[in-house]
All heavy atoms as atom14 arrays in JSON, in Angstrom:
{
  "sequence": "NHGATCYINVLLEVLFHLSFFRSGGGKTVFEALQGIFFNLEN",
  "atom14_mask": [
    [1, 1, 1, 1, 1, 1, 1, 1, 0, 0, 0, 0, 0, 0],
    [1, 1, 1, 1, 1, 1, 1, 1, 1, 1, 0, 0, 0, 0],
    [1, 1, 1, 1, 0, 0, 0, 0, 0, 0, 0, 0, 0, 0],
    [1, 1, 1, 1, 1, 0, 0, 0, 0, 0, 0, 0, 0, 0],
    [1, 1, 1, 1, 1, 1, 1, 0, 0, 0, 0, 0, 0, 0],
    [1, 1, 1, 1, 1, 1, 0, 0, 0, 0, 0, 0, 0, 0],
    [1, 1, 1, 1, 1, 1, 1, 1, 1, 1, 1, 1, 0, 0],
    [1, 1, 1, 1, 1, 1, 1, 1, 0, 0, 0, 0, 0, 0],
    [1, 1, 1, 1, 1, 1, 1, 1, 0, 0, 0, 0, 0, 0],
    [1, 1, 1, 1, 1, 1, 1, 0, 0, 0, 0, 0, 0, 0],
    [1, 1, 1, 1, 1, 1, 1, 1, 0, 0, 0, 0, 0, 0],
    [1, 1, 1, 1, 1, 1, 1, 1, 0, 0, 0, 0, 0, 0],
    [1, 1, 1, 1, 1, 1, 1, 1, 1, 0, 0, 0, 0, 0],
    [1, 1, 1, 1, 1, 1, 1, 0, 0, 0, 0, 0, 0, 0],
    [1, 1, 1, 1, 1, 1, 1, 1, 0, 0, 0, 0, 0, 0],
    [1, 1, 1, 1, 1, 1, 1, 1, 1, 1, 1, 0, 0, 0],
    [1, 1, 1, 1, 1, 1, 1, 1, 1, 1, 0, 0, 0, 0],
    [1, 1, 1, 1, 1, 1, 1, 1, 0, 0, 0, 0, 0, 0],
    [1, 1, 1, 1, 1, 1, 0, 0, 0, 0, 0, 0, 0, 0],
    [1, 1, 1, 1, 1, 1, 1, 1, 1, 1, 1, 0, 0, 0],
    [1, 1, 1, 1, 1, 1, 1, 1, 1, 1, 1, 0, 0, 0],
    [1, 1, 1, 1, 1, 1, 1, 1, 1, 1, 1, 0, 0, 0],
    [1, 1, 1, 1, 1, 1, 0, 0, 0, 0, 0, 0, 0, 0],
    [1, 1, 1, 1, 0, 0, 0, 0, 0, 0, 0, 0, 0, 0],
    [1, 1, 1, 1, 0, 0, 0, 0, 0, 0, 0, 0, 0, 0],
    [1, 1, 1, 1, 0, 0, 0, 0, 0, 0, 0, 0, 0, 0],
    [1, 1, 1, 1, 1, 1, 1, 1, 1, 0, 0, 0, 0, 0],
    [1, 1, 1, 1, 1, 1, 1, 0, 0, 0, 0, 0, 0, 0],
    [1, 1, 1, 1, 1, 1, 1, 0, 0, 0, 0, 0, 0, 0],
    [1, 1, 1, 1, 1, 1, 1, 1, 1, 1, 1, 0, 0, 0],
    [1, 1, 1, 1, 1, 1, 1, 1, 1, 0, 0, 0, 0, 0],
    [1, 1, 1, 1, 1, 0, 0, 0, 0, 0, 0, 0, 0, 0],
    [1, 1, 1, 1, 1, 1, 1, 1, 0, 0, 0, 0, 0, 0],
    [1, 1, 1, 1, 1, 1, 1, 1, 1, 0, 0, 0, 0, 0],
    [1, 1, 1, 1, 0, 0, 0, 0, 0, 0, 0, 0, 0, 0],
    [1, 1, 1, 1, 1, 1, 1, 1, 0, 0, 0, 0, 0, 0],
    [1, 1, 1, 1, 1, 1, 1, 1, 1, 1, 1, 0, 0, 0],
    [1, 1, 1, 1, 1, 1, 1, 1, 1, 1, 1, 0, 0, 0],
    [1, 1, 1, 1, 1, 1, 1, 1, 0, 0, 0, 0, 0, 0],
    [1, 1, 1, 1, 1, 1, 1, 1, 0, 0, 0, 0, 0, 0],
    [1, 1, 1, 1, 1, 1, 1, 1, 1, 0, 0, 0, 0, 0],
    [1, 1, 1, 1, 1, 1, 1, 1, 0, 0, 0, 0, 0, 0]
  ],
  "atom14_positions": [
    [[-23.13, 55.86, -40.0], [-22.31, 55.27, -41.08], [-23.07, 55.4, -42.3], [-24.18, 54.81, -42.57], [-22.03, 53.75, -40.77], [-21.02, 53.12, -41.75], [-20.59, 53.83, -42.68], [-20.66, 51.88, -41.57], [0.0, 0.0, 0.0], [0.0, 0.0, 0.0], [0.0, 0.0, 0.0], [0.0, 0.0, 0.0], [0.0, 0.0, 0.0], [0.0, 0.0, 0.0]],
    [[-22.57, 56.2, -43.29], [-23.18, 56.45, -44.52], [-22.7, 55.59, -45.63], [-22.13, 56.02, -46.63], [-22.99, 57.96, -44.94], [-23.6, 58.92, -43.92], [-24.96, 59.13, -43.74], [-22.95, 59.68, -43.0], [-25.1, 59.98, -42.8], [-23.94, 60.34, -42.36], [0.0, 0.0, 0.0], [0.0, 0.0, 0.0], [0.0, 0.0, 0.0], [0.0, 0.0, 0.0]],
    [[-22.87, 54.26, -45.4], [-22.37, 53.29, -46.35], [-21.05, 52.71, -45.97], [-21.05, 51.72, -45.21], [0.0, 0.0, 0.0], [0.0, 0.0, 0.0], [0.0, 0.0, 0.0], [0.0, 0.0, 0.0], [0.0, 0.0, 0.0], [0.0, 0.0, 0.0], [0.0, 0.0, 0.0], [0.0, 0.0, 0.0], [0.0, 0.0, 0.0], [0.0, 0.0, 0.0]],
    [[-19.96, 53.26, -46.44], [-18.59, 52.81, -46.05], [-17.75, 53.86, -45.49], [-16.58, 54.04, -45.78], [-17.88, 52.17, -47.34], [0.0, 0.0, 0.0], [0.0, 0.0, 0.0], [0.0, 0.0, 0.0], [0.0, 0.0, 0.0], [0.0, 0.0, 0.0], [0.0, 0.0, 0.0], [0.0, 0.0, 0.0], [0.0, 0.0, 0.0], [0.0, 0.0, 0.0]],
    [[-18.34, 54.68, -44.55], [-17.55, 55.8, -43.94], [-17.22, 55.51, -42.53], [-16.89, 56.42, -41.75], [-18.53, 57.0, -43.97], [-19.75, 56.78, -43.18], [-18.96, 57.44, -45.39], [0.0, 0.0, 0.0], [0.0, 0.0, 0.0], [0.0, 0.0, 0.0], [0.0, 0.0, 0.0], [0.0, 0.0, 0.0], [0.0, 0.0, 0.0], [0.0, 0.0, 0.0]],
    [[-17.14, 54.2, -42.19], [-16.79, 53.89, -40.73], [-15.38, 54.34, -40.48], [-15.06, 54.76, -39.3], [-16.89, 52.38, -40.47], [-16.05, 51.33, -41.68], [0.0, 0.0, 0.0], [0.0, 0.0, 0.0], [0.0, 0.0, 0.0], [0.0, 0.0, 0.0], [0.0, 0.0, 0.0], [0.0, 0.0, 0.0], [0.0, 0.0, 0.0], [0.0, 0.0, 0.0]],
    [[-14.45, 54.32, -41.49], [-13.13, 54.74, -41.21], [-13.02, 56.25, -40.91], [-12.14, 56.73, -40.16], [-12.18, 54.43, -42.47], [-12.51, 55.16, -43.83], [-11.84, 56.34, -44.08], [-13.65, 54.79, -44.56], [-12.14, 57.09, -45.21], [-13.92, 55.57, -45.64], [-13.21, 56.68, -46.04], [-13.49, 57.45, -47.14], [0.0, 0.0, 0.0], [0.0, 0.0, 0.0]],
    [[-13.97, 57.01, -41.49], [-14.03, 58.43, -41.21], [-14.42, 58.68, -39.72], [-13.99, 59.48, -39.04], [-14.93, 59.18, -42.2], [-14.39, 59.03, -43.58], [-15.11, 60.66, -41.74], [-15.36, 59.66, -44.64], [0.0, 0.0, 0.0], [0.0, 0.0, 0.0], [0.0, 0.0, 0.0], [0.0, 0.0, 0.0], [0.0, 0.0, 0.0], [0.0, 0.0, 0.0]],
    [[-15.46, 57.79, -39.38], [-15.95, 57.94, -38.01], [-14.99, 57.65, -36.98], [-14.89, 58.29, -35.91], [-17.19, 56.99, -37.81], [-18.37, 57.34, -38.72], [-18.38, 58.37, -39.4], [-19.47, 56.57, -38.65], [0.0, 0.0, 0.0], [0.0, 0.0, 0.0], [0.0, 0.0, 0.0], [0.0, 0.0, 0.0], [0.0, 0.0, 0.0], [0.0, 0.0, 0.0]],
    [[-14.1, 56.65, -37.23], [-13.03, 56.23, -36.29], [-12.2, 57.48, -36.03], [-11.79, 57.78, -34.89], [-12.23, 55.07, -36.81], [-10.94, 54.88, -36.06], [-13.02, 53.86, -36.83], [0.0, 0.0, 0.0], [0.0, 0.0, 0.0], [0.0, 0.0, 0.0], [0.0, 0.0, 0.0], [0.0, 0.0, 0.0], [0.0, 0.0, 0.0], [0.0, 0.0, 0.0]],
    [[-11.78, 58.13, -37.07], [-10.8, 59.31, -36.93], [-11.51, 60.45, -36.21], [-10.95, 61.14, -35.39], [-10.3, 59.77, -38.3], [-9.42, 60.96, -38.26], [-8.12, 60.73, -37.34], [-9.01, 61.35, -39.74], [0.0, 0.0, 0.0], [0.0, 0.0, 0.0], [0.0, 0.0, 0.0], [0.0, 0.0, 0.0], [0.0, 0.0, 0.0], [0.0, 0.0, 0.0]],
    [[-12.76, 60.7, -36.6], [-13.5, 61.89, -36.02], [-13.7, 61.55, -34.48], [-13.71, 62.63, -33.68], [-14.87, 62.06, -36.69], [-14.73, 62.55, -38.15], [-16.14, 62.68, -38.64], [-14.01, 63.85, -38.22], [0.0, 0.0, 0.0], [0.0, 0.0, 0.0], [0.0, 0.0, 0.0], [0.0, 0.0, 0.0], [0.0, 0.0, 0.0], [0.0, 0.0, 0.0]],
    [[-13.98, 60.37, -34.11], [-14.15, 60.07, -32.69], [-12.87, 60.23, -31.86], [-12.89, 60.78, -30.75], [-14.65, 58.68, -32.48], [-16.14, 58.55, -33.0], [-16.6, 57.1, -33.04], [-15.72, 56.13, -32.83], [-17.89, 56.84, -33.29], [0.0, 0.0, 0.0], [0.0, 0.0, 0.0], [0.0, 0.0, 0.0], [0.0, 0.0, 0.0], [0.0, 0.0, 0.0]],
    [[-11.66, 60.0, -32.51], [-10.46, 60.29, -31.85], [-10.2, 61.76, -31.65], [-9.87, 62.29, -30.67], [-9.29, 59.71, -32.73], [-7.95, 60.17, -32.21], [-9.36, 58.1, -32.63], [0.0, 0.0, 0.0], [0.0, 0.0, 0.0], [0.0, 0.0, 0.0], [0.0, 0.0, 0.0], [0.0, 0.0, 0.0], [0.0, 0.0, 0.0], [0.0, 0.0, 0.0]],
    [[-10.46, 62.5, -32.83], [-10.34, 64.06, -32.73], [-11.22, 64.7, -31.69], [-10.84, 65.71, -31.12], [-10.45, 64.65, -34.13], [-9.38, 64.22, -35.17], [-9.65, 64.85, -36.51], [-8.0, 64.54, -34.73], [0.0, 0.0, 0.0], [0.0, 0.0, 0.0], [0.0, 0.0, 0.0], [0.0, 0.0, 0.0], [0.0, 0.0, 0.0], [0.0, 0.0, 0.0]],
    [[-12.43, 64.13, -31.6], [-13.4, 64.65, -30.78], [-12.96, 64.66, -29.31], [-13.27, 65.63, -28.52], [-14.78, 63.85, -30.9], [-15.76, 64.26, -29.85], [-16.39, 65.42, -29.97], [-16.12, 63.49, -28.82], [-17.42, 65.89, -29.05], [-17.12, 63.83, -27.92], [-17.68, 64.99, -27.96], [0.0, 0.0, 0.0], [0.0, 0.0, 0.0], [0.0, 0.0, 0.0]],
    [[-12.09, 63.69, -28.94], [-11.64, 63.61, -27.58], [-10.43, 64.55, -27.24], [-9.97, 64.52, -26.25], [-11.28, 62.15, -27.18], [-12.46, 61.3, -27.02], [-13.09, 60.66, -28.02], [-13.06, 60.87, -25.86], [-14.11, 59.97, -27.55], [-14.14, 60.07, -26.16], [0.0, 0.0, 0.0], [0.0, 0.0, 0.0], [0.0, 0.0, 0.0], [0.0, 0.0, 0.0]],
    [[-10.08, 65.35, -28.22], [-9.05, 66.4, -28.08], [-9.75, 67.74, -27.8], [-10.51, 68.21, -28.74], [-8.16, 66.51, -29.35], [-7.4, 65.16, -29.73], [-6.59, 65.38, -31.01], [-6.63, 64.63, -28.65], [0.0, 0.0, 0.0], [0.0, 0.0, 0.0], [0.0, 0.0, 0.0], [0.0, 0.0, 0.0], [0.0, 0.0, 0.0], [0.0, 0.0, 0.0]],
    [[-9.59, 68.33, -26.78], [-10.29, 69.55, -26.33], [-9.97, 70.63, -27.32], [-10.72, 71.56, -27.53], [-9.9, 69.98, -24.95], [-8.49, 70.22, -24.82], [0.0, 0.0, 0.0], [0.0, 0.0, 0.0], [0.0, 0.0, 0.0], [0.0, 0.0, 0.0], [0.0, 0.0, 0.0], [0.0, 0.0, 0.0], [0.0, 0.0, 0.0], [0.0, 0.0, 0.0]],
    [[-8.79, 70.59, -27.94], [-8.38, 71.57, -29.0], [-9.45, 71.72, -30.04], [-9.78, 72.78, -30.53], [-7.06, 71.24, -29.58], [-6.61, 72.08, -30.75], [-5.9, 73.28, -30.45], [-6.84, 71.71, -31.99], [-5.57, 74.09, -31.56], [-6.47, 72.48, -33.1], [-5.81, 73.76, -32.82], [0.0, 0.0, 0.0], [0.0, 0.0, 0.0], [0.0, 0.0, 0.0]],
    [[-10.0, 70.56, -30.52], [-10.98, 70.59, -31.6], [-12.38, 70.94, -31.06], [-13.09, 71.74, -31.76], [-11.03, 69.24, -32.26], [-9.83, 69.06, -33.16], [-8.76, 68.26, -32.65], [-9.7, 69.52, -34.51], [-7.62, 68.02, -33.4], [-8.58, 69.32, -35.2], [-7.53, 68.52, -34.69], [0.0, 0.0, 0.0], [0.0, 0.0, 0.0], [0.0, 0.0, 0.0]],
    [[-12.73, 70.48, -29.93], [-14.02, 70.67, -29.42], [-14.21, 72.23, -29.01], [-15.34, 72.78, -29.13], [-14.35, 69.93, -28.24], [-14.48, 68.45, -28.45], [-15.34, 67.75, -27.38], [-14.87, 67.95, -25.99], [-13.87, 67.37, -25.4], [-13.26, 66.45, -26.08], [-13.55, 67.63, -24.2], [0.0, 0.0, 0.0], [0.0, 0.0, 0.0], [0.0, 0.0, 0.0]],
    [[-13.11, 72.87, -28.69], [-13.21, 74.32, -28.41], [-13.23, 75.18, -29.67], [-13.24, 76.41, -29.57], [-12.09, 74.64, -27.45], [-10.79, 74.48, -28.09], [0.0, 0.0, 0.0], [0.0, 0.0, 0.0], [0.0, 0.0, 0.0], [0.0, 0.0, 0.0], [0.0, 0.0, 0.0], [0.0, 0.0, 0.0], [0.0, 0.0, 0.0], [0.0, 0.0, 0.0]],
    [[-13.09, 74.57, -30.79], [-13.17, 75.27, -32.05], [-11.85, 75.25, -32.74], [-11.79, 75.35, -34.03], [0.0, 0.0, 0.0], [0.0, 0.0, 0.0], [0.0, 0.0, 0.0], [0.0, 0.0, 0.0], [0.0, 0.0, 0.0], [0.0, 0.0, 0.0], [0.0, 0.0, 0.0], [0.0, 0.0, 0.0], [0.0, 0.0, 0.0], [0.0, 0.0, 0.0]],
    [[-10.66, 75.16, -32.1], [-9.37, 75.02, -32.82], [-8.97, 76.32, -33.51], [-8.17, 76.22, -34.38], [0.0, 0.0, 0.0], [0.0, 0.0, 0.0], [0.0, 0.0, 0.0], [0.0, 0.0, 0.0], [0.0, 0.0, 0.0], [0.0, 0.0, 0.0], [0.0, 0.0, 0.0], [0.0, 0.0, 0.0], [0.0, 0.0, 0.0], [0.0, 0.0, 0.0]],
    [[-9.65, 77.39, -33.29], [-9.23, 78.6, -34.01], [-9.95, 78.65, -35.35], [-10.84, 77.86, -35.69], [0.0, 0.0, 0.0], [0.0, 0.0, 0.0], [0.0, 0.0, 0.0], [0.0, 0.0, 0.0], [0.0, 0.0, 0.0], [0.0, 0.0, 0.0], [0.0, 0.0, 0.0], [0.0, 0.0, 0.0], [0.0, 0.0, 0.0], [0.0, 0.0, 0.0]],
    [[-9.5, 79.57, -36.19], [-10.19, 79.67, -37.5], [-9.69, 78.68, -38.55], [-10.26, 78.66, -39.61], [-9.84, 81.07, -38.03], [-10.38, 82.24, -37.11], [-10.03, 83.64, -37.8], [-10.54, 84.7, -36.88], [-10.24, 86.05, -37.46], [0.0, 0.0, 0.0], [0.0, 0.0, 0.0], [0.0, 0.0, 0.0], [0.0, 0.0, 0.0], [0.0, 0.0, 0.0]],
    [[-8.8, 77.83, -38.09], [-8.19, 76.92, -39.12], [-9.04, 75.63, -39.26], [-8.85, 74.89, -40.19], [-6.74, 76.5, -38.71], [-6.84, 75.98, -37.36], [-5.84, 77.66, -38.7], [0.0, 0.0, 0.0], [0.0, 0.0, 0.0], [0.0, 0.0, 0.0], [0.0, 0.0, 0.0], [0.0, 0.0, 0.0], [0.0, 0.0, 0.0], [0.0, 0.0, 0.0]],
    [[-9.97, 75.35, -38.29], [-10.8, 74.17, -38.4], [-12.08, 74.5, -39.09], [-12.71, 75.48, -38.74], [-11.07, 73.58, -36.98], [-11.99, 72.39, -37.08], [-9.78, 73.19, -36.25], [0.0, 0.0, 0.0], [0.0, 0.0, 0.0], [0.0, 0.0, 0.0], [0.0, 0.0, 0.0], [0.0, 0.0, 0.0], [0.0, 0.0, 0.0], [0.0, 0.0, 0.0]],
    [[-12.38, 73.74, -40.13], [-13.49, 74.12, -40.96], [-14.9, 73.86, -40.22], [-14.96, 73.09, -39.26], [-13.48, 73.23, -42.27], [-12.34, 73.55, -43.13], [-11.08, 72.94, -42.94], [-12.41, 74.61, -44.09], [-9.98, 73.28, -43.68], [-11.29, 74.86, -44.8], [-10.03, 74.24, -44.74], [0.0, 0.0, 0.0], [0.0, 0.0, 0.0], [0.0, 0.0, 0.0]],
    [[-15.92, 74.55, -40.75], [-17.19, 74.56, -40.16], [-17.79, 73.11, -40.02], [-18.54, 72.7, -39.17], [-18.17, 75.46, -40.85], [-17.83, 76.96, -40.7], [-18.8, 77.83, -41.39], [-19.79, 77.32, -41.97], [-18.7, 79.07, -41.26], [0.0, 0.0, 0.0], [0.0, 0.0, 0.0], [0.0, 0.0, 0.0], [0.0, 0.0, 0.0], [0.0, 0.0, 0.0]],
    [[-17.53, 72.27, -41.05], [-18.06, 70.95, -41.06], [-17.61, 70.18, -39.93], [-18.37, 69.4, -39.3], [-17.66, 70.23, -42.38], [0.0, 0.0, 0.0], [0.0, 0.0, 0.0], [0.0, 0.0, 0.0], [0.0, 0.0, 0.0], [0.0, 0.0, 0.0], [0.0, 0.0, 0.0], [0.0, 0.0, 0.0], [0.0, 0.0, 0.0], [0.0, 0.0, 0.0]],
    [[-16.28, 70.2, -39.51], [-15.9, 69.57, -38.4], [-16.4, 70.18, -37.03], [-16.81, 69.42, -36.17], [-14.28, 69.76, -38.34], [-13.44, 68.66, -39.08], [-11.97, 69.01, -38.92], [-13.62, 67.36, -38.56], [0.0, 0.0, 0.0], [0.0, 0.0, 0.0], [0.0, 0.0, 0.0], [0.0, 0.0, 0.0], [0.0, 0.0, 0.0], [0.0, 0.0, 0.0]],
    [[-16.5, 71.43, -37.03], [-17.01, 72.11, -35.82], [-18.51, 71.63, -35.55], [-18.9, 71.38, -34.43], [-16.99, 73.63, -35.92], [-15.55, 74.17, -35.92], [-15.44, 75.57, -36.06], [-16.29, 76.24, -36.74], [-14.32, 76.24, -35.67], [0.0, 0.0, 0.0], [0.0, 0.0, 0.0], [0.0, 0.0, 0.0], [0.0, 0.0, 0.0], [0.0, 0.0, 0.0]],
    [[-19.2, 71.57, -36.68], [-20.62, 71.14, -36.55], [-20.78, 69.75, -36.08], [-21.64, 69.44, -35.19], [0.0, 0.0, 0.0], [0.0, 0.0, 0.0], [0.0, 0.0, 0.0], [0.0, 0.0, 0.0], [0.0, 0.0, 0.0], [0.0, 0.0, 0.0], [0.0, 0.0, 0.0], [0.0, 0.0, 0.0], [0.0, 0.0, 0.0], [0.0, 0.0, 0.0]],
    [[-19.88, 68.84, -36.54], [-19.95, 67.45, -36.05], [-19.65, 67.36, -34.61], [-20.37, 66.69, -33.9], [-19.04, 66.66, -36.89], [-19.54, 66.41, -38.32], [-18.78, 65.17, -36.28], [-18.54, 65.78, -39.3], [0.0, 0.0, 0.0], [0.0, 0.0, 0.0], [0.0, 0.0, 0.0], [0.0, 0.0, 0.0], [0.0, 0.0, 0.0], [0.0, 0.0, 0.0]],
    [[-18.61, 68.02, -34.2], [-18.21, 67.94, -32.8], [-19.24, 68.65, -31.86], [-19.48, 68.22, -30.74], [-16.81, 68.65, -32.61], [-15.72, 67.81, -33.3], [-14.62, 68.45, -33.78], [-15.81, 66.44, -33.49], [-13.64, 67.76, -34.42], [-14.8, 65.77, -34.12], [-13.69, 66.45, -34.55], [0.0, 0.0, 0.0], [0.0, 0.0, 0.0], [0.0, 0.0, 0.0]],
    [[-19.79, 69.65, -32.34], [-20.9, 70.37, -31.52], [-22.02, 69.41, -31.3], [-22.55, 69.2, -30.21], [-21.41, 71.63, -32.29], [-22.53, 72.28, -31.56], [-22.24, 73.16, -30.45], [-23.84, 72.02, -31.98], [-23.36, 73.73, -29.81], [-24.93, 72.62, -31.25], [-24.67, 73.51, -30.2], [0.0, 0.0, 0.0], [0.0, 0.0, 0.0], [0.0, 0.0, 0.0]],
    [[-22.41, 68.69, -32.42], [-23.59, 67.79, -32.35], [-23.3, 66.59, -31.44], [-24.09, 66.01, -30.76], [-24.04, 67.38, -33.68], [-24.67, 68.46, -34.45], [-25.32, 69.36, -33.81], [-24.55, 68.5, -35.8], [0.0, 0.0, 0.0], [0.0, 0.0, 0.0], [0.0, 0.0, 0.0], [0.0, 0.0, 0.0], [0.0, 0.0, 0.0], [0.0, 0.0, 0.0]],
    [[-21.98, 66.19, -31.56], [-21.6, 64.98, -30.68], [-21.72, 65.3, -29.18], [-22.05, 64.47, -28.4], [-20.09, 64.61, -30.94], [-19.93, 63.65, -32.17], [-18.42, 63.48, -32.42], [-20.6, 62.32, -31.99], [0.0, 0.0, 0.0], [0.0, 0.0, 0.0], [0.0, 0.0, 0.0], [0.0, 0.0, 0.0], [0.0, 0.0, 0.0], [0.0, 0.0, 0.0]],
    [[-21.55, 66.61, -28.87], [-21.61, 67.02, -27.49], [-23.14, 67.34, -27.07], [-23.46, 67.12, -25.91], [-20.85, 68.25, -27.18], [-19.38, 68.03, -27.02], [-18.72, 69.16, -26.36], [-18.47, 70.19, -26.87], [-18.35, 68.99, -25.11], [0.0, 0.0, 0.0], [0.0, 0.0, 0.0], [0.0, 0.0, 0.0], [0.0, 0.0, 0.0], [0.0, 0.0, 0.0]],
    [[-23.92, 67.63, -27.99], [-25.25, 68.12, -27.69], [-26.43, 67.33, -28.24], [-27.58, 67.4, -27.74], [-25.42, 69.55, -28.14], [-24.38, 70.47, -27.4], [-24.59, 70.87, -26.25], [-23.36, 70.88, -28.1], [0.0, 0.0, 0.0], [0.0, 0.0, 0.0], [0.0, 0.0, 0.0], [0.0, 0.0, 0.0], [0.0, 0.0, 0.0], [0.0, 0.0, 0.0]]
  ]
}
């Protein structure tokens, strides 16, 4: 939590549980999201 970013964390944790995003989601998902989800797994 970087100050008041808990609301962002809530959404990212929901999206992380969708395999569509963890597998990359194609070229439409930005690198910042891919990096977060990769790190959550590893």
